Amino acid sequence: MQRSQINHIMEQADEFMRRYGFVLPPFAYWTPDQFVENQSVARHVIDTRCGWDITDYGVGDFDRQGLFLFTLRNGRLADLQRGGGMCYAEKLLISRQDQLSPMHTHSLKAEDIINRGGADLVIELYGSDDVGHFAEDRGGIVQCDGIARPYGPGEKLVLKPGASVTLMPGDWHAFWGEGGDVLIGEVSTVNDDETDNIFREPIGRFSTIQEDVPPTHLLVSDYAQWFS
């Protein structure tokens, strides 16, 4: 992806989120230089990779296959492992109309996916085999707003605004907006996007960026370079 495209997506996303009453925290609007100046007091943000996250999954066609994310808060794996402390995470996502977030699961993270506003969110579901691999002939059971709902292999769950689903490790899922763009909330256990995204197809979680213009704001994938 080109940096100019990423900057434009950030601007569009901020406007879309505000339309539904969501305003990002102050650090979201720091320039790269401001982030560098504040890095000593922003170690938690940097170390837990909170912030802007825009991906085309390495495909090079964001409108067809991609996702906007902003990690608002995130805990530490060490807290989760010891069973105390900040064991949770929260994100805002935007899934554009017919924009695929491809089939994947997580080995650790459980997550509530919430339609916060906009169009319908369609989630395609599959179960796992006995060792957690994708199983095209298996379904499972999810919780929709706390109500148990069995699903068959390849079943498409439609979340209207306000509705949610709880996905556990081993619930394979892909999703997209139907009829328009969707603002999505994600509340989960500690989030690790570097190691805990298991895709059915061998694709990349983060995009390769062509630096055609300077960044308006840093992505979480920029932190390693800027704060090494």
C-alpha atoms as a PDB file:
ATOM      1  CA  MET A   1       0.000   0.000   0.000  1.00  0.00           C
ATOM      2  CA  GLN A   2       1.122   3.563  -0.578  1.00  0.00           C
ATOM      3  CA  ARG A   3       1.486   5.836   2.439  1.00  0.00           C
ATOM      4  CA  SER A   4      -0.725   8.425   0.737  1.00  0.00           C
ATOM      5  CA  GLN A   5      -3.522   5.826   0.537  1.00  0.00           C
ATOM      6  CA  ILE A   6      -3.080   4.961   4.214  1.00  0.00           C
ATOM      7  CA  ASN A   7      -3.231   8.643   5.203  1.00  0.00           C
ATOM      8  CA  HIS A   8      -6.465   9.016   3.231  1.00  0.00           C
ATOM      9  CA  ILE A   9      -8.000   5.896   4.811  1.00  0.00           C
ATOM     10  CA  MET A  10      -7.180   7.288   8.275  1.00  0.00           C
ATOM     11  CA  GLU A  11      -9.000  10.534   7.448  1.00  0.00           C
ATOM     12  CA  GLN A  12     -12.037   8.687   6.087  1.00  0.00           C
ATOM     13  CA  ALA A  13     -12.127   6.298   9.055  1.00  0.00           C
ATOM     14  CA  ASP A  14     -11.987   9.095  11.622  1.00  0.00           C
ATOM     15  CA  GLU A  15     -14.936  10.803   9.952  1.00  0.00           C
ATOM     16  CA  PHE A  16     -16.894   7.529   9.785  1.00  0.00           C
ATOM     17  CA  MET A  17     -16.321   6.722  13.465  1.00  0.00           C
ATOM     18  CA  ARG A  18     -17.346  10.204  14.575  1.00  0.00           C
ATOM     19  CA  ARG A  19     -20.582   9.767  12.629  1.00  0.00           C
ATOM     20  CA  TYR A  20     -21.526   7.064  15.149  1.00  0.00           C
ATOM     21  CA  GLY A  21     -20.317   8.940  18.220  1.00  0.00           C
ATOM     22  CA  PHE A  22     -16.848   7.382  18.608  1.00  0.00           C
ATOM     23  CA  VAL A  23     -13.836   9.663  19.095  1.00  0.00           C
ATOM     24  CA  LEU A  24     -10.317   8.234  19.262  1.00  0.00           C
ATOM     25  CA  PRO A  25      -7.990   8.930  22.213  1.00  0.00           C
ATOM     26  CA  PRO A  26      -5.596  11.897  22.039  1.00  0.00           C
ATOM     27  CA  PHE A  27      -2.512   9.857  21.084  1.00  0.00           C
ATOM     28  CA  ALA A  28      -4.283   8.859  17.864  1.00  0.00           C
ATOM     29  CA  TYR A  29      -3.782  12.373  16.524  1.00  0.00           C
ATOM     30  CA  TRP A  30      -0.106  12.782  17.370  1.00  0.00           C
ATOM     31  CA  THR A  31       2.173  13.458  14.447  1.00  0.00           C
ATOM     32  CA  PRO A  32       5.153  11.099  14.158  1.00  0.00           C
ATOM     33  CA  ASP A  33       7.380  13.770  15.722  1.00  0.00           C
ATOM     34  CA  GLN A  34       4.977  14.221  18.638  1.00  0.00           C
ATOM     35  CA  PHE A  35       4.939  10.447  19.144  1.00  0.00           C
ATOM     36  CA  VAL A  36       8.733  10.394  19.289  1.00  0.00           C
ATOM     37  CA  GLU A  37       8.729  13.254  21.808  1.00  0.00           C
ATOM     38  CA  ASN A  38       6.227  11.383  23.995  1.00  0.00           C
ATOM     39  CA  GLN A  39       7.612   7.868  23.642  1.00  0.00           C
ATOM     40  CA  SER A  40       8.892   7.663  27.215  1.00  0.00           C
ATOM     41  CA  VAL A  41       5.389   8.202  28.642  1.00  0.00           C
ATOM     42  CA  ALA A  42       3.719   6.181  25.881  1.00  0.00           C
ATOM     43  CA  ARG A  43       5.610   2.927  26.430  1.00  0.00           C
ATOM     44  CA  HIS A  44       2.431   1.008  27.180  1.00  0.00           C
ATOM     45  CA  VAL A  45       0.850   2.196  23.924  1.00  0.00           C
ATOM     46  CA  ILE A  46       3.976   1.247  21.983  1.00  0.00           C
ATOM     47  CA  ASP A  47       4.696  -2.064  23.712  1.00  0.00           C
ATOM     48  CA  THR A  48       1.101  -3.313  23.444  1.00  0.00           C
ATOM     49  CA  ARG A  49       0.750  -1.959  19.896  1.00  0.00           C
ATOM     50  CA  CYS A  50      -2.221   0.285  20.451  1.00  0.00           C
ATOM     51  CA  GLY A  51      -3.067   2.626  17.608  1.00  0.00           C
ATOM     52  CA  TRP A  52      -3.742   2.735  13.874  1.00  0.00           C
ATOM     53  CA  ASP A  53      -3.687  -0.507  11.882  1.00  0.00           C
ATOM     54  CA  ILE A  54      -4.567  -0.686   8.180  1.00  0.00           C
ATOM     55  CA  THR A  55      -3.990  -3.811   6.132  1.00  0.00           C
ATOM     56  CA  ASP A  56      -4.600  -5.229   2.673  1.00  0.00           C
ATOM     57  CA  TYR A  57      -3.287  -8.616   3.873  1.00  0.00           C
ATOM     58  CA  GLY A  58      -0.468  -8.300   1.332  1.00  0.00           C
ATOM     59  CA  VAL A  59      -2.871  -8.694  -1.606  1.00  0.00           C
ATOM     60  CA  GLY A  60      -2.509  -5.137  -2.907  1.00  0.00           C
ATOM     61  CA  ASP A  61      -6.252  -4.477  -3.331  1.00  0.00           C
ATOM     62  CA  PHE A  62      -7.541  -2.863  -0.130  1.00  0.00           C
ATOM     63  CA  ASP A  63     -11.079  -2.336  -1.414  1.00  0.00           C
ATOM     64  CA  ARG A  64     -11.434  -6.039  -2.235  1.00  0.00           C
ATOM     65  CA  GLN A  65      -9.542  -7.572   0.707  1.00  0.00           C
ATOM     66  CA  GLY A  66      -8.541  -5.455   3.658  1.00  0.00           C
ATOM     67  CA  LEU A  67      -9.512  -4.000   7.006  1.00  0.00           C
ATOM     68  CA  PHE A  68      -9.202  -0.828   9.070  1.00  0.00           C
ATOM     69  CA  LEU A  69      -8.496  -1.273  12.778  1.00  0.00           C
ATOM     70  CA  PHE A  70      -7.634   0.921  15.739  1.00  0.00           C
ATOM     71  CA  THR A  71      -6.520  -0.751  18.972  1.00  0.00           C
ATOM     72  CA  LEU A  72      -7.863   1.444  21.759  1.00  0.00           C
ATOM     73  CA  ARG A  73      -6.438  -0.543  24.688  1.00  0.00           C
ATOM     74  CA  ASN A  74      -4.546  -3.781  25.149  1.00  0.00           C
ATOM     75  CA  GLY A  75      -3.179  -5.752  28.067  1.00  0.00           C
ATOM     76  CA  ARG A  76      -0.104  -7.886  28.417  1.00  0.00           C
ATOM     77  CA  LEU A  77       0.240 -11.588  27.783  1.00  0.00           C
ATOM     78  CA  ALA A  78       2.097 -11.961  31.089  1.00  0.00           C
ATOM     79  CA  ASP A  79      -0.981 -10.723  32.968  1.00  0.00           C
ATOM     80  CA  LEU A  80      -3.188 -13.150  31.091  1.00  0.00           C
ATOM     81  CA  GLN A  81      -0.823 -16.032  31.837  1.00  0.00           C
ATOM     82  CA  ARG A  82      -0.778 -15.296  35.568  1.00  0.00           C
ATOM     83  CA  GLY A  83      -4.543 -14.718  35.666  1.00  0.00           C
ATOM     84  CA  GLY A  84      -4.581 -11.154  36.912  1.00  0.00           C
ATOM     85  CA  GLY A  85      -4.101  -7.600  35.757  1.00  0.00           C
ATOM     86  CA  MET A  86      -4.948  -6.121  32.373  1.00  0.00           C
ATOM     87  CA  CYS A  87      -6.171  -9.214  30.527  1.00  0.00           C
ATOM     88  CA  TYR A  88      -8.375  -7.479  27.947  1.00  0.00           C
ATOM     89  CA  ALA A  89      -8.267  -5.498  24.713  1.00  0.00           C
ATOM     90  CA  GLU A  90     -10.624  -3.278  22.741  1.00  0.00           C
ATOM     91  CA  LYS A  91     -10.641  -2.234  19.087  1.00  0.00           C
ATOM     92  CA  LEU A  92     -12.690  -0.330  16.571  1.00  0.00           C
ATOM     93  CA  LEU A  93     -12.757  -1.737  13.041  1.00  0.00           C
ATOM     94  CA  ILE A  94     -14.307  -0.673   9.765  1.00  0.00           C
ATOM     95  CA  SER A  95     -15.285  -3.309   7.237  1.00  0.00           C
ATOM     96  CA  ARG A  96     -16.220  -1.726   3.921  1.00  0.00           C
ATOM     97  CA  GLN A  97     -18.980  -2.979   1.684  1.00  0.00           C
ATOM     98  CA  ASP A  98     -17.953  -6.365   0.197  1.00  0.00           C
ATOM     99  CA  GLN A  99     -14.418  -5.930   1.598  1.00  0.00           C
ATOM    100  CA  LEU A 100     -13.250  -9.354   2.720  1.00  0.00           C
ATOM    101  CA  SER A 101     -11.393 -10.001   5.948  1.00  0.00           C
ATOM    102  CA  PRO A 102     -10.229 -13.522   5.064  1.00  0.00           C
ATOM    103  CA  MET A 103     -10.857 -16.800   6.868  1.00  0.00           C
ATOM    104  CA  HIS A 104      -8.877 -17.074  10.107  1.00  0.00           C
ATOM    105  CA  THR A 105      -8.998 -18.075  13.742  1.00  0.00           C
ATOM    106  CA  HIS A 106      -7.023 -17.439  16.917  1.00  0.00           C
ATOM    107  CA  SER A 107      -5.257 -19.890  19.194  1.00  0.00           C
ATOM    108  CA  LEU A 108      -5.517 -17.679  22.300  1.00  0.00           C
ATOM    109  CA  LYS A 109      -7.919 -14.795  21.812  1.00  0.00           C
ATOM    110  CA  ALA A 110     -11.641 -14.935  22.522  1.00  0.00           C
ATOM    111  CA  GLU A 111     -13.500 -11.947  21.097  1.00  0.00           C
ATOM    112  CA  ASP A 112     -16.858 -10.272  20.995  1.00  0.00           C
ATOM    113  CA  ILE A 113     -17.550  -8.819  17.554  1.00  0.00           C
ATOM    114  CA  ILE A 114     -20.178  -6.063  17.762  1.00  0.00           C
ATOM    115  CA  ASN A 115     -21.930  -4.196  14.953  1.00  0.00           C
ATOM    116  CA  ARG A 116     -21.641  -0.634  16.259  1.00  0.00           C
ATOM    117  CA  GLY A 117     -23.440   0.984  13.326  1.00  0.00           C
ATOM    118  CA  GLY A 118     -23.829   1.217   9.587  1.00  0.00           C
ATOM    119  CA  ALA A 119     -24.815  -1.654   7.344  1.00  0.00           C
ATOM    120  CA  ASP A 120     -25.022  -5.390   8.084  1.00  0.00           C
ATOM    121  CA  LEU A 121     -21.932  -7.366   9.067  1.00  0.00           C
ATOM    122  CA  VAL A 122     -21.792 -10.842   7.528  1.00  0.00           C
ATOM    123  CA  ILE A 123     -19.629 -13.441   9.268  1.00  0.00           C
ATOM    124  CA  GLU A 124     -18.939 -16.778   7.553  1.00  0.00           C
ATOM    125  CA  LEU A 125     -18.261 -19.521  10.097  1.00  0.00           C
ATOM    126  CA  TYR A 126     -16.531 -22.912  10.132  1.00  0.00           C
ATOM    127  CA  GLY A 127     -15.475 -25.180  12.962  1.00  0.00           C
ATOM    128  CA  SER A 128     -12.160 -26.891  13.698  1.00  0.00           C
ATOM    129  CA  ASP A 129     -10.991 -30.469  13.592  1.00  0.00           C
ATOM    130  CA  ASP A 130      -9.701 -32.247  16.697  1.00  0.00           C
ATOM    131  CA  VAL A 131      -6.357 -30.398  16.568  1.00  0.00           C
ATOM    132  CA  GLY A 132      -7.775 -26.965  15.765  1.00  0.00           C
ATOM    133  CA  HIS A 133      -7.264 -26.945  12.005  1.00  0.00           C
ATOM    134  CA  PHE A 134      -9.875 -25.571   9.604  1.00  0.00           C
ATOM    135  CA  ALA A 135     -12.612 -28.158   9.001  1.00  0.00           C
ATOM    136  CA  GLU A 136     -14.818 -27.586   5.975  1.00  0.00           C
ATOM    137  CA  ASP A 137     -17.298 -30.210   7.224  1.00  0.00           C
ATOM    138  CA  ARG A 138     -17.691 -28.984  10.820  1.00  0.00           C
ATOM    139  CA  GLY A 139     -19.741 -26.318  12.508  1.00  0.00           C
ATOM    140  CA  GLY A 140     -19.935 -25.293  16.141  1.00  0.00           C
ATOM    141  CA  ILE A 141     -21.772 -23.113  18.632  1.00  0.00           C
ATOM    142  CA  VAL A 142     -21.335 -19.378  19.214  1.00  0.00           C
ATOM    143  CA  GLN A 143     -23.006 -16.938  21.582  1.00  0.00           C
ATOM    144  CA  CYS A 144     -25.051 -14.174  19.938  1.00  0.00           C
ATOM    145  CA  ASP A 145     -25.678 -11.489  22.558  1.00  0.00           C
ATOM    146  CA  GLY A 146     -25.313 -14.222  25.168  1.00  0.00           C
ATOM    147  CA  ILE A 147     -27.707 -16.643  23.456  1.00  0.00           C
ATOM    148  CA  ALA A 148     -26.303 -19.964  22.209  1.00  0.00           C
ATOM    149  CA  ARG A 149     -26.547 -20.383  18.440  1.00  0.00           C
ATOM    150  CA  PRO A 150     -25.391 -23.499  16.598  1.00  0.00           C
ATOM    151  CA  TYR A 151     -23.863 -22.939  13.147  1.00  0.00           C
ATOM    152  CA  GLY A 152     -23.204 -25.297  10.280  1.00  0.00           C
ATOM    153  CA  PRO A 153     -20.036 -25.332   8.157  1.00  0.00           C
ATOM    154  CA  GLY A 154     -19.935 -22.261   5.937  1.00  0.00           C
ATOM    155  CA  GLU A 155     -23.032 -20.727   7.529  1.00  0.00           C
ATOM    156  CA  LYS A 156     -23.283 -16.959   7.195  1.00  0.00           C
ATOM    157  CA  LEU A 157     -24.292 -15.081  10.313  1.00  0.00           C
ATOM    158  CA  VAL A 158     -25.757 -11.610   9.709  1.00  0.00           C
ATOM    159  CA  LEU A 159     -25.247  -9.059  12.490  1.00  0.00           C
ATOM    160  CA  LYS A 160     -27.538  -6.044  12.361  1.00  0.00           C
ATOM    161  CA  PRO A 161     -26.460  -2.815  14.120  1.00  0.00           C
ATOM    162  CA  GLY A 162     -26.377  -3.468  17.867  1.00  0.00           C
ATOM    163  CA  ALA A 163     -25.976  -7.243  17.542  1.00  0.00           C
ATOM    164  CA  SER A 164     -22.871  -9.177  18.546  1.00  0.00           C
ATOM    165  CA  VAL A 165     -21.272 -12.609  18.467  1.00  0.00           C
ATOM    166  CA  THR A 166     -18.694 -14.198  20.755  1.00  0.00           C
ATOM    167  CA  LEU A 167     -16.002 -16.141  18.891  1.00  0.00           C
ATOM    168  CA  MET A 168     -13.766 -18.565  20.737  1.00  0.00           C
ATOM    169  CA  PRO A 169     -10.392 -19.994  19.644  1.00  0.00           C
ATOM    170  CA  GLY A 170     -11.164 -22.535  16.944  1.00  0.00           C
ATOM    171  CA  ASP A 171     -14.148 -20.655  15.503  1.00  0.00           C
ATOM    172  CA  TRP A 172     -12.914 -19.987  11.979  1.00  0.00           C
ATOM    173  CA  HIS A 173     -14.395 -16.815  10.528  1.00  0.00           C
ATOM    174  CA  ALA A 174     -14.307 -14.407   7.613  1.00  0.00           C
ATOM    175  CA  PHE A 175     -16.382 -11.232   7.419  1.00  0.00           C
ATOM    176  CA  TRP A 176     -17.424  -8.273   5.259  1.00  0.00           C
ATOM    177  CA  GLY A 177     -19.921  -5.424   5.131  1.00  0.00           C
ATOM    178  CA  GLU A 178     -23.139  -6.047   3.247  1.00  0.00           C
ATOM    179  CA  GLY A 179     -25.151  -3.149   1.882  1.00  0.00           C
ATOM    180  CA  GLY A 180     -22.608  -0.557   3.004  1.00  0.00           C
ATOM    181  CA  ASP A 181     -19.720   0.051   5.392  1.00  0.00           C
ATOM    182  CA  VAL A 182     -19.856  -1.224   8.985  1.00  0.00           C
ATOM    183  CA  LEU A 183     -18.355   0.126  12.197  1.00  0.00           C
ATOM    184  CA  ILE A 184     -17.322  -2.844  14.325  1.00  0.00           C
ATOM    185  CA  GLY A 185     -16.387  -3.047  17.984  1.00  0.00           C
ATOM    186  CA  GLU A 186     -14.103  -5.790  19.235  1.00  0.00           C
ATOM    187  CA  VAL A 187     -13.754  -6.622  22.937  1.00  0.00           C
ATOM    188  CA  SER A 188     -11.372  -9.481  23.603  1.00  0.00           C
ATOM    189  CA  THR A 189      -8.748 -11.073  25.751  1.00  0.00           C
ATOM    190  CA  VAL A 190      -5.202  -9.763  25.241  1.00  0.00           C
ATOM    191  CA  ASN A 191      -4.566  -9.208  21.547  1.00  0.00           C
ATOM    192  CA  ASP A 192      -1.387 -10.261  19.723  1.00  0.00           C
ATOM    193  CA  ASP A 193      -1.723  -9.563  16.006  1.00  0.00           C
ATOM    194  CA  GLU A 194       1.840 -10.627  15.286  1.00  0.00           C
ATOM    195  CA  THR A 195       1.457 -14.271  16.336  1.00  0.00           C
ATOM    196  CA  ASP A 196      -2.201 -15.035  17.101  1.00  0.00           C
ATOM    197  CA  ASN A 197      -3.803 -14.671  13.665  1.00  0.00           C
ATOM    198  CA  ILE A 198      -4.002 -18.064  11.960  1.00  0.00           C
ATOM    199  CA  PHE A 199      -5.160 -17.744   8.358  1.00  0.00           C
ATOM    200  CA  ARG A 200      -6.552 -20.557   6.251  1.00  0.00           C
ATOM    201  CA  GLU A 201      -4.504 -19.340   3.270  1.00  0.00           C
ATOM    202  CA  PRO A 202      -0.840 -18.276   3.583  1.00  0.00           C
ATOM    203  CA  ILE A 203      -1.272 -14.498   3.561  1.00  0.00           C
ATOM    204  CA  GLY A 204       0.311 -11.631   5.443  1.00  0.00           C
ATOM    205  CA  ARG A 205      -1.300  -9.825   8.365  1.00  0.00           C
ATOM    206  CA  PHE A 206       0.478  -6.519   7.700  1.00  0.00           C
ATOM    207  CA  SER A 207       0.995  -4.558   4.501  1.00  0.00           C
ATOM    208  CA  THR A 208       4.204  -3.563   2.759  1.00  0.00           C
ATOM    209  CA  ILE A 209       4.208   0.243   2.563  1.00  0.00           C
ATOM    210  CA  GLN A 210       5.569   2.421  -0.219  1.00  0.00           C
ATOM    211  CA  GLU A 211       6.654   5.722   1.306  1.00  0.00           C
ATOM    212  CA  ASP A 212       5.420   8.117  -1.386  1.00  0.00           C
ATOM    213  CA  VAL A 213       4.536  10.807   1.231  1.00  0.00           C
ATOM    214  CA  PRO A 214       5.282  11.270   4.949  1.00  0.00           C
ATOM    215  CA  PRO A 215       2.902   9.551   7.404  1.00  0.00           C
ATOM    216  CA  THR A 216       0.143  11.652   8.956  1.00  0.00           C
ATOM    217  CA  HIS A 217       0.076   9.273  11.949  1.00  0.00           C
ATOM    218  CA  LEU A 218       2.101   6.167  12.699  1.00  0.00           C
ATOM    219  CA  LEU A 219       0.721   2.672  12.225  1.00  0.00           C
ATOM    220  CA  VAL A 220       1.392   0.024  14.854  1.00  0.00           C
ATOM    221  CA  SER A 221       3.555  -1.669  12.222  1.00  0.00           C
ATOM    222  CA  ASP A 222       5.736   1.484  12.124  1.00  0.00           C
ATOM    223  CA  TYR A 223       6.644   1.322  15.817  1.00  0.00           C
ATOM    224  CA  ALA A 224       9.563  -1.075  15.428  1.00  0.00           C
ATOM    225  CA  GLN A 225      11.276   1.293  12.988  1.00  0.00           C
ATOM    226  CA  TRP A 226      10.507   4.518  14.811  1.00  0.00           C
ATOM    227  CA  PHE A 227      11.103   3.315  18.387  1.00  0.00           C
ATOM    228  CA  SER A 228      13.894   0.754  18.006  1.00  0.00           C
END
